[in-house]
Amino acid sequence: MSIAEVRPGLPLARVNPVAKIAATVPLSIALLLTLDPVSAGIAILCEIVLFTAIGLGPLLWSARTLPVWIAAPLTGISMVLYGAPSGQVYFDAGLIHITEGSVAIGLATTARVVAIALPAVVLFLTIDPTDLADGLAQTLRLPARFVLGGLAALRLAGTSIDDWRTISLARRARGVADRAVLRRGVGQAFALLVLSIRRASTLATAMEARGFGAPGRRTWAREARFGGVEWAVIAIGCLVAAISVTAAVAAGSWNLVWS
């Protein structure tokens, strides 16, 4: 399933994308204010339960969310090795200090990254680019030129992947892609950049000729609805944030990052 191909039958697929984005904001703010394992752990538990209950459980463990599960431990490991040392010292060599405090910070950081990134990725996979553009333009009243430009960029994201593959095969057929992997990558990246700029210029001219940048009020083919379901999604996001904060305060682990 690519960015531009969202299955219509996917849960939450028809919910206004603005509501899905707004639902992740309260939890993100709450978890950015503190660095403790309790709030992040409760948030992850709530996310797994909610997504599984509505039928999005398979996405949690799919290849689409694999970057989250890889990046979070790597972030935690960096904090374990280079975080502020405190408490019992387990290992000390030069710039690397593994202590009781740095291990706690690493675990909390890993949990916080997962708790913030996981719902964002899963919900984004249920968003169709056209629905997102409709929501941004009709619900948030963002400028049509900006919205339509972003929509075109999202629609062409998959095309760039195909272009990279085509360039790689063409260079290999010419015998210039067998050695020097680093130089080959830089050359392909430059070729892709040139191709993308040319395509963007052509697309911009075509959109301008069809009146996409015309002044005045424009019409939309589909109406972006924002009703009770959307407010319920936002309320659930606020509820998860409130539960996480309450659990951390009750456990005595709430720790403001600037305190």
C-alpha atoms as a PDB file:
ATOM      1  CA  MET A   1       0.000   0.000   0.000  1.00  0.00           C
ATOM      2  CA  SER A   2       1.645   3.202  -1.138  1.00  0.00           C
ATOM      3  CA  ILE A   3       1.093   6.718   0.164  1.00  0.00           C
ATOM      4  CA  ALA A   4      -1.399   7.376  -2.590  1.00  0.00           C
ATOM      5  CA  GLU A   5      -3.259   4.062  -2.224  1.00  0.00           C
ATOM      6  CA  VAL A   6      -5.395   3.787   0.905  1.00  0.00           C
ATOM      7  CA  ARG A   7      -7.933   0.989   0.977  1.00  0.00           C
ATOM      8  CA  PRO A   8     -11.460   2.467   1.293  1.00  0.00           C
ATOM      9  CA  GLY A   9     -12.475  -0.284   3.723  1.00  0.00           C
ATOM     10  CA  LEU A  10      -9.640   0.458   6.162  1.00  0.00           C
ATOM     11  CA  PRO A  11     -10.889   1.571   9.606  1.00  0.00           C
ATOM     12  CA  LEU A  12     -10.889   5.367  10.045  1.00  0.00           C
ATOM     13  CA  ALA A  13     -10.248   5.773   6.300  1.00  0.00           C
ATOM     14  CA  ARG A  14     -13.310   8.025   5.938  1.00  0.00           C
ATOM     15  CA  VAL A  15     -12.658  10.119   9.030  1.00  0.00           C
ATOM     16  CA  ASN A  16     -11.549  13.678   8.251  1.00  0.00           C
ATOM     17  CA  PRO A  17      -7.718  13.638   8.225  1.00  0.00           C
ATOM     18  CA  VAL A  18      -7.658  16.903  10.172  1.00  0.00           C
ATOM     19  CA  ALA A  19      -9.299  15.097  13.106  1.00  0.00           C
ATOM     20  CA  LYS A  20      -6.758  12.265  12.959  1.00  0.00           C
ATOM     21  CA  ILE A  21      -3.873  14.721  12.970  1.00  0.00           C
ATOM     22  CA  ALA A  22      -5.435  16.728  15.800  1.00  0.00           C
ATOM     23  CA  ALA A  23      -5.928  13.553  17.864  1.00  0.00           C
ATOM     24  CA  THR A  24      -2.161  12.983  18.021  1.00  0.00           C
ATOM     25  CA  VAL A  25      -1.343  16.526  19.198  1.00  0.00           C
ATOM     26  CA  PRO A  26      -2.402  16.308  22.899  1.00  0.00           C
ATOM     27  CA  LEU A  27      -0.458  13.091  23.493  1.00  0.00           C
ATOM     28  CA  SER A  28       2.613  14.428  21.689  1.00  0.00           C
ATOM     29  CA  ILE A  29       2.593  17.599  23.804  1.00  0.00           C
ATOM     30  CA  ALA A  30       2.098  15.632  27.038  1.00  0.00           C
ATOM     31  CA  LEU A  31       4.956  13.233  26.301  1.00  0.00           C
ATOM     32  CA  LEU A  32       7.289  16.012  25.184  1.00  0.00           C
ATOM     33  CA  LEU A  33       6.794  17.750  28.535  1.00  0.00           C
ATOM     34  CA  THR A  34       8.049  14.771  30.537  1.00  0.00           C
ATOM     35  CA  LEU A  35      10.670  12.063  30.274  1.00  0.00           C
ATOM     36  CA  ASP A  36       9.474   9.074  32.235  1.00  0.00           C
ATOM     37  CA  PRO A  37       8.684   5.454  31.349  1.00  0.00           C
ATOM     38  CA  VAL A  38       5.255   5.372  33.011  1.00  0.00           C
ATOM     39  CA  SER A  39       3.454   7.953  30.860  1.00  0.00           C
ATOM     40  CA  ALA A  40       4.998   6.608  27.650  1.00  0.00           C
ATOM     41  CA  GLY A  41       4.330   2.978  28.630  1.00  0.00           C
ATOM     42  CA  ILE A  42       0.673   3.668  29.431  1.00  0.00           C
ATOM     43  CA  ALA A  43       0.325   5.565  26.150  1.00  0.00           C
ATOM     44  CA  ILE A  44       1.752   2.633  24.164  1.00  0.00           C
ATOM     45  CA  LEU A  45      -0.577   0.203  25.929  1.00  0.00           C
ATOM     46  CA  CYS A  46      -3.606   2.391  25.179  1.00  0.00           C
ATOM     47  CA  GLU A  47      -2.557   2.749  21.535  1.00  0.00           C
ATOM     48  CA  ILE A  48      -2.161  -0.998  21.050  1.00  0.00           C
ATOM     49  CA  VAL A  49      -5.541  -1.700  22.665  1.00  0.00           C
ATOM     50  CA  LEU A  50      -7.365   0.999  20.681  1.00  0.00           C
ATOM     51  CA  PHE A  51      -5.833   0.187  17.295  1.00  0.00           C
ATOM     52  CA  THR A  52      -6.413  -3.523  17.801  1.00  0.00           C
ATOM     53  CA  ALA A  53     -10.026  -2.920  18.830  1.00  0.00           C
ATOM     54  CA  ILE A  54     -10.856  -0.929  15.681  1.00  0.00           C
ATOM     55  CA  GLY A  55      -9.079  -3.318  13.313  1.00  0.00           C
ATOM     56  CA  LEU A  56      -5.772  -1.530  12.778  1.00  0.00           C
ATOM     57  CA  GLY A  57      -3.779  -4.048  14.806  1.00  0.00           C
ATOM     58  CA  PRO A  58      -2.009  -5.589  11.768  1.00  0.00           C
ATOM     59  CA  LEU A  59      -0.593  -2.173  10.841  1.00  0.00           C
ATOM     60  CA  LEU A  60       1.135  -1.951  14.225  1.00  0.00           C
ATOM     61  CA  TRP A  61       3.402  -4.867  13.332  1.00  0.00           C
ATOM     62  CA  SER A  62       3.641  -4.356   9.574  1.00  0.00           C
ATOM     63  CA  ALA A  63       6.652  -3.271   7.547  1.00  0.00           C
ATOM     64  CA  ARG A  64       5.205   0.255   7.452  1.00  0.00           C
ATOM     65  CA  THR A  65       5.870   0.756  11.161  1.00  0.00           C
ATOM     66  CA  LEU A  66       9.225  -1.064  11.139  1.00  0.00           C
ATOM     67  CA  PRO A  67      11.213   2.229  11.034  1.00  0.00           C
ATOM     68  CA  VAL A  68       9.584   3.216  14.329  1.00  0.00           C
ATOM     69  CA  TRP A  69      10.537  -0.041  16.024  1.00  0.00           C
ATOM     70  CA  ILE A  70      14.114   0.338  14.727  1.00  0.00           C
ATOM     71  CA  ALA A  71      14.633   4.064  15.354  1.00  0.00           C
ATOM     72  CA  ALA A  72      13.257   4.049  18.913  1.00  0.00           C
ATOM     73  CA  PRO A  73      15.801   1.551  20.364  1.00  0.00           C
ATOM     74  CA  LEU A  74      18.636   3.263  18.500  1.00  0.00           C
ATOM     75  CA  THR A  75      17.626   6.577  20.071  1.00  0.00           C
ATOM     76  CA  GLY A  76      17.480   4.925  23.469  1.00  0.00           C
ATOM     77  CA  ILE A  77      20.911   3.327  23.035  1.00  0.00           C
ATOM     78  CA  SER A  78      22.464   6.715  22.249  1.00  0.00           C
ATOM     79  CA  MET A  79      21.000   8.093  25.483  1.00  0.00           C
ATOM     80  CA  VAL A  80      22.315   5.078  27.422  1.00  0.00           C
ATOM     81  CA  LEU A  81      25.830   5.629  26.085  1.00  0.00           C
ATOM     82  CA  TYR A  82      25.987   9.425  26.144  1.00  0.00           C
ATOM     83  CA  GLY A  83      23.207  10.503  28.520  1.00  0.00           C
ATOM     84  CA  ALA A  84      23.842  12.428  31.738  1.00  0.00           C
ATOM     85  CA  PRO A  85      25.586  10.008  34.150  1.00  0.00           C
ATOM     86  CA  SER A  86      24.008   9.464  37.548  1.00  0.00           C
ATOM     87  CA  GLY A  87      23.694   6.682  40.088  1.00  0.00           C
ATOM     88  CA  GLN A  88      25.636   3.435  39.907  1.00  0.00           C
ATOM     89  CA  VAL A  89      28.289   3.244  37.182  1.00  0.00           C
ATOM     90  CA  TYR A  90      28.165   0.127  34.994  1.00  0.00           C
ATOM     91  CA  PHE A  91      30.741   1.110  32.363  1.00  0.00           C
ATOM     92  CA  ASP A  92      33.007   4.125  31.898  1.00  0.00           C
ATOM     93  CA  ALA A  93      35.338   4.651  28.944  1.00  0.00           C
ATOM     94  CA  GLY A  94      36.085   8.095  27.576  1.00  0.00           C
ATOM     95  CA  LEU A  95      32.904   9.766  26.372  1.00  0.00           C
ATOM     96  CA  ILE A  96      30.819   6.660  27.043  1.00  0.00           C
ATOM     97  CA  HIS A  97      29.227   6.498  30.474  1.00  0.00           C
ATOM     98  CA  ILE A  98      26.722   3.746  31.159  1.00  0.00           C
ATOM     99  CA  THR A  99      25.133   4.436  34.512  1.00  0.00           C
ATOM    100  CA  GLU A 100      21.896   3.705  36.305  1.00  0.00           C
ATOM    101  CA  GLY A 101      20.567   7.132  35.371  1.00  0.00           C
ATOM    102  CA  SER A 102      21.536   6.929  31.699  1.00  0.00           C
ATOM    103  CA  VAL A 103      19.896   3.496  31.378  1.00  0.00           C
ATOM    104  CA  ALA A 104      16.679   4.891  32.857  1.00  0.00           C
ATOM    105  CA  ILE A 105      16.799   7.836  30.458  1.00  0.00           C
ATOM    106  CA  GLY A 106      17.430   5.492  27.529  1.00  0.00           C
ATOM    107  CA  LEU A 107      14.437   3.308  28.371  1.00  0.00           C
ATOM    108  CA  ALA A 108      12.199   6.322  28.855  1.00  0.00           C
ATOM    109  CA  THR A 109      13.370   7.858  25.582  1.00  0.00           C
ATOM    110  CA  THR A 110      12.725   4.629  23.675  1.00  0.00           C
ATOM    111  CA  ALA A 111       9.199   4.381  25.072  1.00  0.00           C
ATOM    112  CA  ARG A 112       8.501   8.053  24.363  1.00  0.00           C
ATOM    113  CA  VAL A 113       9.606   7.789  20.723  1.00  0.00           C
ATOM    114  CA  VAL A 114       7.377   4.751  20.184  1.00  0.00           C
ATOM    115  CA  ALA A 115       4.409   6.379  21.937  1.00  0.00           C
ATOM    116  CA  ILE A 116       4.632   9.525  19.796  1.00  0.00           C
ATOM    117  CA  ALA A 117       5.608   8.055  16.435  1.00  0.00           C
ATOM    118  CA  LEU A 118       3.476   4.893  16.386  1.00  0.00           C
ATOM    119  CA  PRO A 119       0.018   6.542  16.296  1.00  0.00           C
ATOM    120  CA  ALA A 120       1.252   9.158  13.851  1.00  0.00           C
ATOM    121  CA  VAL A 121       2.477   6.513  11.399  1.00  0.00           C
ATOM    122  CA  VAL A 122      -0.547   4.219  11.776  1.00  0.00           C
ATOM    123  CA  LEU A 123      -3.054   7.051  11.361  1.00  0.00           C
ATOM    124  CA  PHE A 124      -1.131   8.471   8.399  1.00  0.00           C
ATOM    125  CA  LEU A 125      -1.463   5.118   6.658  1.00  0.00           C
ATOM    126  CA  THR A 126      -5.254   5.557   6.797  1.00  0.00           C
ATOM    127  CA  ILE A 127      -5.139   9.004   5.170  1.00  0.00           C
ATOM    128  CA  ASP A 128      -5.747   9.421   1.456  1.00  0.00           C
ATOM    129  CA  PRO A 129      -3.813  12.408   0.031  1.00  0.00           C
ATOM    130  CA  THR A 130      -6.932  13.800  -1.674  1.00  0.00           C
ATOM    131  CA  ASP A 131      -8.923  13.569   1.568  1.00  0.00           C
ATOM    132  CA  LEU A 132      -6.069  15.304   3.370  1.00  0.00           C
ATOM    133  CA  ALA A 133      -6.088  18.139   0.834  1.00  0.00           C
ATOM    134  CA  ASP A 134      -9.866  18.499   1.129  1.00  0.00           C
ATOM    135  CA  GLY A 135      -9.616  18.644   4.904  1.00  0.00           C
ATOM    136  CA  LEU A 136      -6.786  21.180   4.969  1.00  0.00           C
ATOM    137  CA  ALA A 137      -8.509  23.465   2.463  1.00  0.00           C
ATOM    138  CA  GLN A 138     -12.119  23.185   3.617  1.00  0.00           C
ATOM    139  CA  THR A 139     -11.751  22.580   7.355  1.00  0.00           C
ATOM    140  CA  LEU A 140      -8.617  24.559   8.210  1.00  0.00           C
ATOM    141  CA  ARG A 141      -9.069  27.066   5.353  1.00  0.00           C
ATOM    142  CA  LEU A 142      -5.457  26.840   4.245  1.00  0.00           C
ATOM    143  CA  PRO A 143      -4.532  28.500   0.913  1.00  0.00           C
ATOM    144  CA  ALA A 144      -5.569  26.374  -2.061  1.00  0.00           C
ATOM    145  CA  ARG A 145      -2.249  26.890  -3.864  1.00  0.00           C
ATOM    146  CA  PHE A 146      -0.320  25.500  -0.889  1.00  0.00           C
ATOM    147  CA  VAL A 147      -2.727  22.581  -0.391  1.00  0.00           C
ATOM    148  CA  LEU A 148      -2.812  21.522  -4.043  1.00  0.00           C
ATOM    149  CA  GLY A 149       0.960  21.775  -4.307  1.00  0.00           C
ATOM    150  CA  GLY A 150       1.314  19.462  -1.313  1.00  0.00           C
ATOM    151  CA  LEU A 151      -1.221  17.056  -2.809  1.00  0.00           C
ATOM    152  CA  ALA A 152       0.720  16.902  -6.067  1.00  0.00           C
ATOM    153  CA  ALA A 153       3.945  16.221  -4.133  1.00  0.00           C
ATOM    154  CA  LEU A 154       2.346  13.335  -2.231  1.00  0.00           C
ATOM    155  CA  ARG A 155       0.925  11.862  -5.414  1.00  0.00           C
ATOM    156  CA  LEU A 156       4.363  11.906  -7.031  1.00  0.00           C
ATOM    157  CA  ALA A 157       6.178  10.340  -4.058  1.00  0.00           C
ATOM    158  CA  GLY A 158       5.712   6.849  -5.488  1.00  0.00           C
ATOM    159  CA  THR A 159       6.841   8.056  -8.899  1.00  0.00           C
ATOM    160  CA  SER A 160      10.199   9.127  -7.458  1.00  0.00           C
ATOM    161  CA  ILE A 161      10.773   5.580  -6.200  1.00  0.00           C
ATOM    162  CA  ASP A 162      10.077   4.221  -9.687  1.00  0.00           C
ATOM    163  CA  ASP A 163      12.394   6.853 -11.193  1.00  0.00           C
ATOM    164  CA  TRP A 164      15.216   5.809  -8.868  1.00  0.00           C
ATOM    165  CA  ARG A 165      14.804   2.201  -9.934  1.00  0.00           C
ATOM    166  CA  THR A 166      14.719   3.162 -13.624  1.00  0.00           C
ATOM    167  CA  ILE A 167      17.860   5.307 -13.318  1.00  0.00           C
ATOM    168  CA  SER A 168      19.653   2.487 -11.513  1.00  0.00           C
ATOM    169  CA  LEU A 169      18.777  -0.031 -14.240  1.00  0.00           C
ATOM    170  CA  ALA A 170      19.754   2.413 -17.013  1.00  0.00           C
ATOM    171  CA  ARG A 171      23.162   3.110 -15.449  1.00  0.00           C
ATOM    172  CA  ARG A 172      23.756  -0.585 -14.913  1.00  0.00           C
ATOM    173  CA  ALA A 173      22.906  -1.315 -18.559  1.00  0.00           C
ATOM    174  CA  ARG A 174      25.536   1.237 -19.574  1.00  0.00           C
ATOM    175  CA  GLY A 175      28.162  -0.363 -17.354  1.00  0.00           C
ATOM    176  CA  VAL A 176      28.597   2.602 -14.987  1.00  0.00           C
ATOM    177  CA  ALA A 177      26.977   1.133 -11.887  1.00  0.00           C
ATOM    178  CA  ASP A 178      29.176  -1.840 -11.062  1.00  0.00           C
ATOM    179  CA  ARG A 179      31.716  -0.080  -8.835  1.00  0.00           C
ATOM    180  CA  ALA A 180      32.062   2.854  -6.465  1.00  0.00           C
ATOM    181  CA  VAL A 181      28.780   2.504  -4.607  1.00  0.00           C
ATOM    182  CA  LEU A 182      29.074   5.906  -2.922  1.00  0.00           C
ATOM    183  CA  ARG A 183      29.840   7.767  -6.156  1.00  0.00           C
ATOM    184  CA  ARG A 184      27.075   5.866  -7.931  1.00  0.00           C
ATOM    185  CA  GLY A 185      24.562   6.885  -5.245  1.00  0.00           C
ATOM    186  CA  VAL A 186      25.546  10.548  -5.478  1.00  0.00           C
ATOM    187  CA  GLY A 187      25.252  10.462  -9.271  1.00  0.00           C
ATOM    188  CA  GLN A 188      21.845   8.808  -9.162  1.00  0.00           C
ATOM    189  CA  ALA A 189      20.632  11.271  -6.550  1.00  0.00           C
ATOM    190  CA  PHE A 190      21.671  14.207  -8.736  1.00  0.00           C
ATOM    191  CA  ALA A 191      19.975  12.664 -11.765  1.00  0.00           C
ATOM    192  CA  LEU A 192      16.804  12.114  -9.740  1.00  0.00           C
ATOM    193  CA  LEU A 193      16.918  15.722  -8.523  1.00  0.00           C
ATOM    194  CA  VAL A 194      17.162  17.032 -12.092  1.00  0.00           C
ATOM    195  CA  LEU A 195      14.336  14.758 -13.221  1.00  0.00           C
ATOM    196  CA  SER A 196      12.155  15.828 -10.280  1.00  0.00           C
ATOM    197  CA  ILE A 197      12.717  19.526 -10.975  1.00  0.00           C
ATOM    198  CA  ARG A 198      11.781  19.070 -14.622  1.00  0.00           C
ATOM    199  CA  ARG A 199       8.637  17.140 -13.725  1.00  0.00           C
ATOM    200  CA  ALA A 200       7.690  19.719 -11.089  1.00  0.00           C
ATOM    201  CA  SER A 201       8.095  22.573 -13.584  1.00  0.00           C
ATOM    202  CA  THR A 202       5.933  20.790 -16.144  1.00  0.00           C
ATOM    203  CA  LEU A 203       3.292  19.967 -13.541  1.00  0.00           C
ATOM    204  CA  ALA A 204       3.265  23.535 -12.206  1.00  0.00           C
ATOM    205  CA  THR A 205       2.732  24.907 -15.711  1.00  0.00           C
ATOM    206  CA  ALA A 206      -0.090  22.435 -16.364  1.00  0.00           C
ATOM    207  CA  MET A 207      -1.792  23.247 -13.056  1.00  0.00           C
ATOM    208  CA  GLU A 208      -1.464  26.971 -13.674  1.00  0.00           C
ATOM    209  CA  ALA A 209      -2.962  26.594 -17.163  1.00  0.00           C
ATOM    210  CA  ARG A 210      -5.944  24.748 -15.701  1.00  0.00           C
ATOM    211  CA  GLY A 211      -6.685  27.492 -13.196  1.00  0.00           C
ATOM    212  CA  PHE A 212      -5.412  25.873 -10.000  1.00  0.00           C
ATOM    213  CA  GLY A 213      -3.730  29.125  -8.995  1.00  0.00           C
ATOM    214  CA  ALA A 214      -6.547  31.457 -10.008  1.00  0.00           C
ATOM    215  CA  PRO A 215      -7.649  34.065  -7.450  1.00  0.00           C
ATOM    216  CA  GLY A 216     -11.078  34.002  -5.869  1.00  0.00           C
ATOM    217  CA  ARG A 217     -13.122  31.319  -4.189  1.00  0.00           C
ATOM    218  CA  ARG A 218     -12.736  27.860  -5.679  1.00  0.00           C
ATOM    219  CA  THR A 219     -15.037  24.860  -5.591  1.00  0.00           C
ATOM    220  CA  TRP A 220     -14.192  21.321  -4.469  1.00  0.00           C
ATOM    221  CA  ALA A 221     -15.346  18.051  -5.960  1.00  0.00           C
ATOM    222  CA  ARG A 222     -15.882  16.472  -2.543  1.00  0.00           C
ATOM    223  CA  GLU A 223     -17.133  18.022   0.667  1.00  0.00           C
ATOM    224  CA  ALA A 224     -14.920  17.565   3.718  1.00  0.00           C
ATOM    225  CA  ARG A 225     -17.250  16.708   6.588  1.00  0.00           C
ATOM    226  CA  PHE A 226     -16.389  17.358  10.214  1.00  0.00           C
ATOM    227  CA  GLY A 227     -18.960  15.938  12.599  1.00  0.00           C
ATOM    228  CA  GLY A 228     -19.466  13.768  15.652  1.00  0.00           C
ATOM    229  CA  VAL A 229     -17.100  10.999  14.555  1.00  0.00           C
ATOM    230  CA  GLU A 230     -14.259  13.464  14.084  1.00  0.00           C
ATOM    231  CA  TRP A 231     -14.854  15.046  17.495  1.00  0.00           C
ATOM    232  CA  ALA A 232     -14.947  11.560  19.036  1.00  0.00           C
ATOM    233  CA  VAL A 233     -11.542  10.734  17.512  1.00  0.00           C
ATOM    234  CA  ILE A 234     -10.079  13.953  18.948  1.00  0.00           C
ATOM    235  CA  ALA A 235     -11.665  13.230  22.333  1.00  0.00           C
ATOM    236  CA  ILE A 236     -10.090   9.764  22.401  1.00  0.00           C
ATOM    237  CA  GLY A 237      -6.695  11.309  21.683  1.00  0.00           C
ATOM    238  CA  CYS A 238      -7.176  13.749  24.575  1.00  0.00           C
ATOM    239  CA  LEU A 239      -8.336  10.898  26.827  1.00  0.00           C
ATOM    240  CA  VAL A 240      -5.212   8.828  26.117  1.00  0.00           C
ATOM    241  CA  ALA A 241      -3.051  11.863  26.912  1.00  0.00           C
ATOM    242  CA  ALA A 242      -4.953  12.485  30.158  1.00  0.00           C
ATOM    243  CA  ILE A 243      -4.663   8.846  31.235  1.00  0.00           C
ATOM    244  CA  SER A 244      -0.918   8.822  30.552  1.00  0.00           C
ATOM    245  CA  VAL A 245      -0.296  12.029  32.499  1.00  0.00           C
ATOM    246  CA  THR A 246      -2.515  10.942  35.398  1.00  0.00           C
ATOM    247  CA  ALA A 247      -0.741   7.578  35.670  1.00  0.00           C
ATOM    248  CA  ALA A 248       2.686   9.249  35.680  1.00  0.00           C
ATOM    249  CA  VAL A 249       1.663  11.762  38.350  1.00  0.00           C
ATOM    250  CA  ALA A 250       0.069   9.039  40.485  1.00  0.00           C
ATOM    251  CA  ALA A 251       3.196   6.886  40.200  1.00  0.00           C
ATOM    252  CA  GLY A 252       5.405   9.851  41.128  1.00  0.00           C
ATOM    253  CA  SER A 253       7.439   9.540  37.907  1.00  0.00           C
ATOM    254  CA  TRP A 254       6.241  12.738  36.233  1.00  0.00           C
ATOM    255  CA  ASN A 255       9.392  14.643  35.361  1.00  0.00           C
ATOM    256  CA  LEU A 256       9.305  17.912  33.445  1.00  0.00           C
ATOM    257  CA  VAL A 257      12.132  17.994  30.924  1.00  0.00           C
ATOM    258  CA  TRP A 258      13.223  21.509  31.869  1.00  0.00           C
ATOM    259  CA  SER A 259      13.085  21.038  35.639  1.00  0.00           C
END
